[in-house]
Amino acid sequence: MDDVIPTIYTEMATDGENQSAELLDYYTRCDQTERTVINEVCMYLCGWSFETILEKCGIQLDEAGNIKEQ
């Protein structure tokens, strides 16, 4: 049971693909319930919600959940 998060970390660290754009696209198409799940999973993994991670990357969402143009 204690191996779940370490296994996720290992798999992420050894996966040569960067699917950031696909993840962001997926998130913007989610409804609020799905976004809540994604945010909570991210908080378990790293202590930050996905939306906070987006902000740290300089990505802002508007009220409708679409990416704000910079």
PDB file of N, CA and C in Angstrom:
ATOM      1  N   MET A   1       0.816  -1.201   0.000  1.00  0.00           N
ATOM      2  CA  MET A   1       0.000   0.000   0.000  1.00  0.00           C
ATOM      3  C   MET A   1       0.861   1.267   0.000  1.00  0.00           C
ATOM      4  N   ASP A   2       2.015   1.217   0.659  1.00  0.00           N
ATOM      5  CA  ASP A   2       2.873   2.398   0.742  1.00  0.00           C
ATOM      6  C   ASP A   2       3.692   2.629  -0.521  1.00  0.00           C
ATOM      7  N   ASP A   3       3.503   1.812  -1.526  1.00  0.00           N
ATOM      8  CA  ASP A   3       4.302   1.919  -2.743  1.00  0.00           C
ATOM      9  C   ASP A   3       3.637   2.731  -3.852  1.00  0.00           C
ATOM     10  N   VAL A   4       2.408   3.150  -3.656  1.00  0.00           N
ATOM     11  CA  VAL A   4       1.677   3.801  -4.747  1.00  0.00           C
ATOM     12  C   VAL A   4       2.354   5.095  -5.191  1.00  0.00           C
ATOM     13  N   ILE A   5       2.543   6.033  -4.281  1.00  0.00           N
ATOM     14  CA  ILE A   5       3.127   7.329  -4.661  1.00  0.00           C
ATOM     15  C   ILE A   5       4.574   7.175  -5.106  1.00  0.00           C
ATOM     16  N   PRO A   6       5.419   6.401  -4.406  1.00  0.00           N
ATOM     17  CA  PRO A   6       6.781   6.207  -4.929  1.00  0.00           C
ATOM     18  C   PRO A   6       6.806   5.582  -6.324  1.00  0.00           C
ATOM     19  N   THR A   7       5.884   4.684  -6.601  1.00  0.00           N
ATOM     20  CA  THR A   7       5.819   4.081  -7.932  1.00  0.00           C
ATOM     21  C   THR A   7       5.431   5.122  -8.973  1.00  0.00           C
ATOM     22  N   ILE A   8       4.483   5.984  -8.646  1.00  0.00           N
ATOM     23  CA  ILE A   8       4.098   7.064  -9.568  1.00  0.00           C
ATOM     24  C   ILE A   8       5.302   7.963  -9.837  1.00  0.00           C
ATOM     25  N   TYR A   9       6.030   8.352  -8.786  1.00  0.00           N
ATOM     26  CA  TYR A   9       7.217   9.198  -8.955  1.00  0.00           C
ATOM     27  C   TYR A   9       8.246   8.538  -9.863  1.00  0.00           C
ATOM     28  N   THR A  10       8.494   7.264  -9.632  1.00  0.00           N
ATOM     29  CA  THR A  10       9.476   6.543 -10.451  1.00  0.00           C
ATOM     30  C   THR A  10       9.042   6.500 -11.908  1.00  0.00           C
ATOM     31  N   GLU A  11       7.787   6.188 -12.139  1.00  0.00           N
ATOM     32  CA  GLU A  11       7.283   6.113 -13.508  1.00  0.00           C
ATOM     33  C   GLU A  11       7.351   7.477 -14.200  1.00  0.00           C
ATOM     34  N   MET A  12       7.042   8.538 -13.468  1.00  0.00           N
ATOM     35  CA  MET A  12       7.112   9.879 -14.049  1.00  0.00           C
ATOM     36  C   MET A  12       8.554  10.249 -14.368  1.00  0.00           C
ATOM     37  N   ALA A  13       9.470   9.895 -13.483  1.00  0.00           N
ATOM     38  CA  ALA A  13      10.875  10.260 -13.664  1.00  0.00           C
ATOM     39  C   ALA A  13      11.533   9.491 -14.808  1.00  0.00           C
ATOM     40  N   THR A  14      11.046   8.297 -15.092  1.00  0.00           N
ATOM     41  CA  THR A  14      11.678   7.476 -16.124  1.00  0.00           C
ATOM     42  C   THR A  14      10.938   7.514 -17.457  1.00  0.00           C
ATOM     43  N   ASP A  15       9.798   8.184 -17.494  1.00  0.00           N
ATOM     44  CA  ASP A  15       9.042   8.322 -18.745  1.00  0.00           C
ATOM     45  C   ASP A  15       9.660   9.470 -19.529  1.00  0.00           C
ATOM     46  N   GLY A  16      10.131   9.187 -20.719  1.00  0.00           N
ATOM     47  CA  GLY A  16      10.810  10.197 -21.519  1.00  0.00           C
ATOM     48  C   GLY A  16       9.888  11.191 -22.193  1.00  0.00           C
ATOM     49  N   GLU A  17       8.596  11.025 -22.043  1.00  0.00           N
ATOM     50  CA  GLU A  17       7.648  11.919 -22.717  1.00  0.00           C
ATOM     51  C   GLU A  17       7.225  13.066 -21.815  1.00  0.00           C
ATOM     52  N   ASN A  18       7.101  14.235 -22.412  1.00  0.00           N
ATOM     53  CA  ASN A  18       6.547  15.394 -21.710  1.00  0.00           C
ATOM     54  C   ASN A  18       5.192  15.669 -22.340  1.00  0.00           C
ATOM     55  N   GLN A  19       4.145  15.300 -21.644  1.00  0.00           N
ATOM     56  CA  GLN A  19       2.796  15.460 -22.171  1.00  0.00           C
ATOM     57  C   GLN A  19       2.061  16.611 -21.487  1.00  0.00           C
ATOM     58  N   SER A  20       2.800  17.665 -21.177  1.00  0.00           N
ATOM     59  CA  SER A  20       2.215  18.821 -20.499  1.00  0.00           C
ATOM     60  C   SER A  20       1.069  19.431 -21.298  1.00  0.00           C
ATOM     61  N   ALA A  21       1.264  19.607 -22.587  1.00  0.00           N
ATOM     62  CA  ALA A  21       0.224  20.224 -23.420  1.00  0.00           C
ATOM     63  C   ALA A  21      -1.033  19.368 -23.453  1.00  0.00           C
ATOM     64  N   GLU A  22      -0.845  18.056 -23.543  1.00  0.00           N
ATOM     65  CA  GLU A  22      -2.004  17.158 -23.570  1.00  0.00           C
ATOM     66  C   GLU A  22      -2.742  17.179 -22.235  1.00  0.00           C
ATOM     67  N   LEU A  23      -1.994  17.217 -21.139  1.00  0.00           N
ATOM     68  CA  LEU A  23      -2.614  17.278 -19.816  1.00  0.00           C
ATOM     69  C   LEU A  23      -3.398  18.571 -19.635  1.00  0.00           C
ATOM     70  N   LEU A  24      -2.821  19.675 -20.057  1.00  0.00           N
ATOM     71  CA  LEU A  24      -3.515  20.957 -19.952  1.00  0.00           C
ATOM     72  C   LEU A  24      -4.773  20.965 -20.818  1.00  0.00           C
ATOM     73  N   ASP A  25      -4.675  20.438 -22.030  1.00  0.00           N
ATOM     74  CA  ASP A  25      -5.844  20.347 -22.905  1.00  0.00           C
ATOM     75  C   ASP A  25      -6.924  19.492 -22.267  1.00  0.00           C
ATOM     76  N   TYR A  26      -6.547  18.356 -21.705  1.00  0.00           N
ATOM     77  CA  TYR A  26      -7.504  17.477 -21.030  1.00  0.00           C
ATOM     78  C   TYR A  26      -8.191  18.218 -19.887  1.00  0.00           C
ATOM     79  N   TYR A  27      -7.408  18.904 -19.064  1.00  0.00           N
ATOM     80  CA  TYR A  27      -7.947  19.623 -17.907  1.00  0.00           C
ATOM     81  C   TYR A  27      -8.948  20.690 -18.333  1.00  0.00           C
ATOM     82  N   THR A  28      -8.642  21.412 -19.388  1.00  0.00           N
ATOM     83  CA  THR A  28      -9.558  22.483 -19.815  1.00  0.00           C
ATOM     84  C   THR A  28     -10.880  21.929 -20.358  1.00  0.00           C
ATOM     85  N   ARG A  29     -10.894  20.664 -20.773  1.00  0.00           N
ATOM     86  CA  ARG A  29     -12.139  20.053 -21.254  1.00  0.00           C
ATOM     87  C   ARG A  29     -12.938  19.362 -20.146  1.00  0.00           C
ATOM     88  N   CYS A  30     -12.385  19.290 -18.945  1.00  0.00           N
ATOM     89  CA  CYS A  30     -13.058  18.621 -17.826  1.00  0.00           C
ATOM     90  C   CYS A  30     -14.174  19.488 -17.250  1.00  0.00           C
ATOM     91  N   ASP A  31     -15.165  18.818 -16.671  1.00  0.00           N
ATOM     92  CA  ASP A  31     -16.172  19.567 -15.920  1.00  0.00           C
ATOM     93  C   ASP A  31     -15.643  19.803 -14.503  1.00  0.00           C
ATOM     94  N   GLN A  32     -16.383  20.528 -13.702  1.00  0.00           N
ATOM     95  CA  GLN A  32     -15.885  20.911 -12.368  1.00  0.00           C
ATOM     96  C   GLN A  32     -15.624  19.700 -11.479  1.00  0.00           C
ATOM     97  N   THR A  33     -16.450  18.685 -11.561  1.00  0.00           N
ATOM     98  CA  THR A  33     -16.235  17.486 -10.748  1.00  0.00           C
ATOM     99  C   THR A  33     -14.919  16.817 -11.106  1.00  0.00           C
ATOM    100  N   GLU A  34     -14.644  16.693 -12.389  1.00  0.00           N
ATOM    101  CA  GLU A  34     -13.393  16.083 -12.836  1.00  0.00           C
ATOM    102  C   GLU A  34     -12.189  16.936 -12.430  1.00  0.00           C
ATOM    103  N   ARG A  35     -12.324  18.243 -12.521  1.00  0.00           N
ATOM    104  CA  ARG A  35     -11.232  19.138 -12.127  1.00  0.00           C
ATOM    105  C   ARG A  35     -10.925  19.015 -10.642  1.00  0.00           C
ATOM    106  N   THR A  36     -11.962  18.864  -9.852  1.00  0.00           N
ATOM    107  CA  THR A  36     -11.763  18.689  -8.418  1.00  0.00           C
ATOM    108  C   THR A  36     -10.949  17.436  -8.138  1.00  0.00           C
ATOM    109  N   VAL A  37     -11.262  16.351  -8.829  1.00  0.00           N
ATOM    110  CA  VAL A  37     -10.508  15.106  -8.652  1.00  0.00           C
ATOM    111  C   VAL A  37      -9.043  15.316  -9.035  1.00  0.00           C
ATOM    112  N   ILE A  38      -8.796  15.939 -10.173  1.00  0.00           N
ATOM    113  CA  ILE A  38      -7.421  16.185 -10.619  1.00  0.00           C
ATOM    114  C   ILE A  38      -6.675  17.051  -9.607  1.00  0.00           C
ATOM    115  N   ASN A  39      -7.319  18.096  -9.124  1.00  0.00           N
ATOM    116  CA  ASN A  39      -6.683  18.974  -8.145  1.00  0.00           C
ATOM    117  C   ASN A  39      -6.351  18.230  -6.858  1.00  0.00           C
ATOM    118  N   GLU A  40      -7.264  17.388  -6.394  1.00  0.00           N
ATOM    119  CA  GLU A  40      -7.028  16.652  -5.155  1.00  0.00           C
ATOM    120  C   GLU A  40      -5.931  15.602  -5.321  1.00  0.00           C
ATOM    121  N   VAL A  41      -5.894  14.917  -6.456  1.00  0.00           N
ATOM    122  CA  VAL A  41      -4.822  13.944  -6.693  1.00  0.00           C
ATOM    123  C   VAL A  41      -3.474  14.658  -6.695  1.00  0.00           C
ATOM    124  N   CYS A  42      -3.395  15.804  -7.357  1.00  0.00           N
ATOM    125  CA  CYS A  42      -2.137  16.558  -7.363  1.00  0.00           C
ATOM    126  C   CYS A  42      -1.739  16.968  -5.951  1.00  0.00           C
ATOM    127  N   MET A  43      -2.705  17.332  -5.119  1.00  0.00           N
ATOM    128  CA  MET A  43      -2.377  17.711  -3.744  1.00  0.00           C
ATOM    129  C   MET A  43      -1.812  16.525  -2.972  1.00  0.00           C
ATOM    130  N   TYR A  44      -2.315  15.330  -3.219  1.00  0.00           N
ATOM    131  CA  TYR A  44      -1.744  14.138  -2.587  1.00  0.00           C
ATOM    132  C   TYR A  44      -0.322  13.886  -3.068  1.00  0.00           C
ATOM    133  N   LEU A  45      -0.075  14.115  -4.345  1.00  0.00           N
ATOM    134  CA  LEU A  45       1.233  13.807  -4.919  1.00  0.00           C
ATOM    135  C   LEU A  45       2.308  14.822  -4.554  1.00  0.00           C
ATOM    136  N   CYS A  46       1.941  16.115  -4.565  1.00  0.00           N
ATOM    137  CA  CYS A  46       2.994  17.117  -4.375  1.00  0.00           C
ATOM    138  C   CYS A  46       2.633  18.244  -3.410  1.00  0.00           C
ATOM    139  N   GLY A  47       1.416  18.236  -2.897  1.00  0.00           N
ATOM    140  CA  GLY A  47       1.024  19.273  -1.948  1.00  0.00           C
ATOM    141  C   GLY A  47       0.402  20.506  -2.579  1.00  0.00           C
ATOM    142  N   TRP A  48       0.352  20.554  -3.902  1.00  0.00           N
ATOM    143  CA  TRP A  48      -0.252  21.677  -4.614  1.00  0.00           C
ATOM    144  C   TRP A  48      -1.364  21.171  -5.514  1.00  0.00           C
ATOM    145  N   SER A  49      -2.397  21.984  -5.688  1.00  0.00           N
ATOM    146  CA  SER A  49      -3.448  21.636  -6.653  1.00  0.00           C
ATOM    147  C   SER A  49      -2.901  21.818  -8.069  1.00  0.00           C
ATOM    148  N   PHE A  50      -3.554  21.214  -9.033  1.00  0.00           N
ATOM    149  CA  PHE A  50      -3.131  21.378 -10.420  1.00  0.00           C
ATOM    150  C   PHE A  50      -3.220  22.833 -10.827  1.00  0.00           C
ATOM    151  N   GLU A  51      -4.250  23.542 -10.362  1.00  0.00           N
ATOM    152  CA  GLU A  51      -4.389  24.962 -10.704  1.00  0.00           C
ATOM    153  C   GLU A  51      -3.237  25.784 -10.141  1.00  0.00           C
ATOM    154  N   THR A  52      -2.748  25.439  -8.950  1.00  0.00           N
ATOM    155  CA  THR A  52      -1.588  26.138  -8.390  1.00  0.00           C
ATOM    156  C   THR A  52      -0.348  25.846  -9.219  1.00  0.00           C
ATOM    157  N   ILE A  53      -0.200  24.603  -9.652  1.00  0.00           N
ATOM    158  CA  ILE A  53       0.928  24.246 -10.513  1.00  0.00           C
ATOM    159  C   ILE A  53       0.873  25.047 -11.805  1.00  0.00           C
ATOM    160  N   LEU A  54      -0.321  25.188 -12.382  1.00  0.00           N
ATOM    161  CA  LEU A  54      -0.467  25.996 -13.596  1.00  0.00           C
ATOM    162  C   LEU A  54      -0.020  27.433 -13.336  1.00  0.00           C
ATOM    163  N   GLU A  55      -0.451  28.001 -12.218  1.00  0.00           N
ATOM    164  CA  GLU A  55      -0.053  29.371 -11.875  1.00  0.00           C
ATOM    165  C   GLU A  55       1.463  29.488 -11.746  1.00  0.00           C
ATOM    166  N   LYS A  56       2.107  28.492 -11.128  1.00  0.00           N
ATOM    167  CA  LYS A  56       3.565  28.498 -10.979  1.00  0.00           C
ATOM    168  C   LYS A  56       4.260  28.424 -12.344  1.00  0.00           C
ATOM    169  N   CYS A  57       3.552  27.876 -13.338  1.00  0.00           N
ATOM    170  CA  CYS A  57       4.080  27.786 -14.706  1.00  0.00           C
ATOM    171  C   CYS A  57       3.694  29.006 -15.538  1.00  0.00           C
ATOM    172  N   GLY A  58       3.019  29.972 -14.923  1.00  0.00           N
ATOM    173  CA  GLY A  58       2.625  31.181 -15.632  1.00  0.00           C
ATOM    174  C   GLY A  58       1.377  31.017 -16.487  1.00  0.00           C
ATOM    175  N   ILE A  59       0.594  29.978 -16.217  1.00  0.00           N
ATOM    176  CA  ILE A  59      -0.628  29.715 -16.987  1.00  0.00           C
ATOM    177  C   ILE A  59      -1.819  30.096 -16.119  1.00  0.00           C
ATOM    178  N   GLN A  60      -2.670  30.947 -16.665  1.00  0.00           N
ATOM    179  CA  GLN A  60      -3.866  31.374 -15.942  1.00  0.00           C
ATOM    180  C   GLN A  60      -5.107  30.923 -16.687  1.00  0.00           C
ATOM    181  N   LEU A  61      -6.122  30.565 -15.909  1.00  0.00           N
ATOM    182  CA  LEU A  61      -7.407  30.167 -16.486  1.00  0.00           C
ATOM    183  C   LEU A  61      -8.428  31.260 -16.210  1.00  0.00           C
ATOM    184  N   ASP A  62      -9.347  31.444 -17.157  1.00  0.00           N
ATOM    185  CA  ASP A  62     -10.425  32.409 -16.919  1.00  0.00           C
ATOM    186  C   ASP A  62     -11.544  31.729 -16.124  1.00  0.00           C
ATOM    187  N   GLU A  63     -12.620  32.461 -15.889  1.00  0.00           N
ATOM    188  CA  GLU A  63     -13.738  31.941 -15.085  1.00  0.00           C
ATOM    189  C   GLU A  63     -14.352  30.688 -15.692  1.00  0.00           C
ATOM    190  N   ALA A  64     -14.320  30.568 -17.004  1.00  0.00           N
ATOM    191  CA  ALA A  64     -14.886  29.410 -17.689  1.00  0.00           C
ATOM    192  C   ALA A  64     -13.920  28.229 -17.721  1.00  0.00           C
ATOM    193  N   GLY A  65     -12.696  28.444 -17.245  1.00  0.00           N
ATOM    194  CA  GLY A  65     -11.711  27.374 -17.215  1.00  0.00           C
ATOM    195  C   GLY A  65     -10.862  27.285 -18.473  1.00  0.00           C
ATOM    196  N   ASN A  66     -10.957  28.298 -19.313  1.00  0.00           N
ATOM    197  CA  ASN A  66     -10.132  28.344 -20.517  1.00  0.00           C
ATOM    198  C   ASN A  66      -8.831  29.079 -20.235  1.00  0.00           C
ATOM    199  N   ILE A  67      -7.803  28.772 -20.998  1.00  0.00           N
ATOM    200  CA  ILE A  67      -6.509  29.419 -20.812  1.00  0.00           C
ATOM    201  C   ILE A  67      -6.618  30.883 -21.204  1.00  0.00           C
ATOM    202  N   LYS A  68      -6.177  31.765 -20.315  1.00  0.00           N
ATOM    203  CA  LYS A  68      -6.160  33.195 -20.619  1.00  0.00           C
ATOM    204  C   LYS A  68      -5.002  33.461 -21.563  1.00  0.00           C
ATOM    205  N   GLU A  69      -5.254  34.249 -22.564  1.00  0.00           N
ATOM    206  CA  GLU A  69      -4.178  34.640 -23.487  1.00  0.00           C
ATOM    207  C   GLU A  69      -3.264  35.617 -22.773  1.00  0.00           C
ATOM    208  N   GLN A  70      -1.973  35.425 -22.941  1.00  0.00           N
ATOM    209  CA  GLN A  70      -0.971  36.276 -22.270  1.00  0.00           C
ATOM    210  C   GLN A  70      -0.675  37.508 -23.098  1.00  0.00           C
TER     211      GLN A  70
END
